[in-house]
């Protein structure tokens, strides 16, 4: 069974940092494109960042460029999202997802992802 488990969410003050983890079981993340999405109450799910199978290509939503960094650790079968300089508008449930693609392709179209985690809550508030 293919599963993704997110962890690392929590409550943080504005300007603070969190590192989210996305760990796979039942499959090898290195063979998949991985993306992080988030969904705030009353809003549509939006793509935050993605990393290609090769690890060479990454992409970020404009709202998080320069603050968030995606990376992978193949030995741990885990992808991370380092989030710095957090803002209240970053508050959302964060999901990781996996899909098969070309080796260097990075995409954040949620309708094309077939494996999803259960989500982890990130709250940025003073």
Foldseek 3Di string as FASTA:
>chain_A
DKAWAKDWADEAAQQAKIKIKIAIDPDQQLQWKKWKWWDDPPDDIWTAKIAFSQRPDMDGDPVQPPFWDWGDDRVRSMIMIIGGRDDQVVWTWMKMFIDGDPRGDIDTDVVRTDYIHPTDTHGYHD
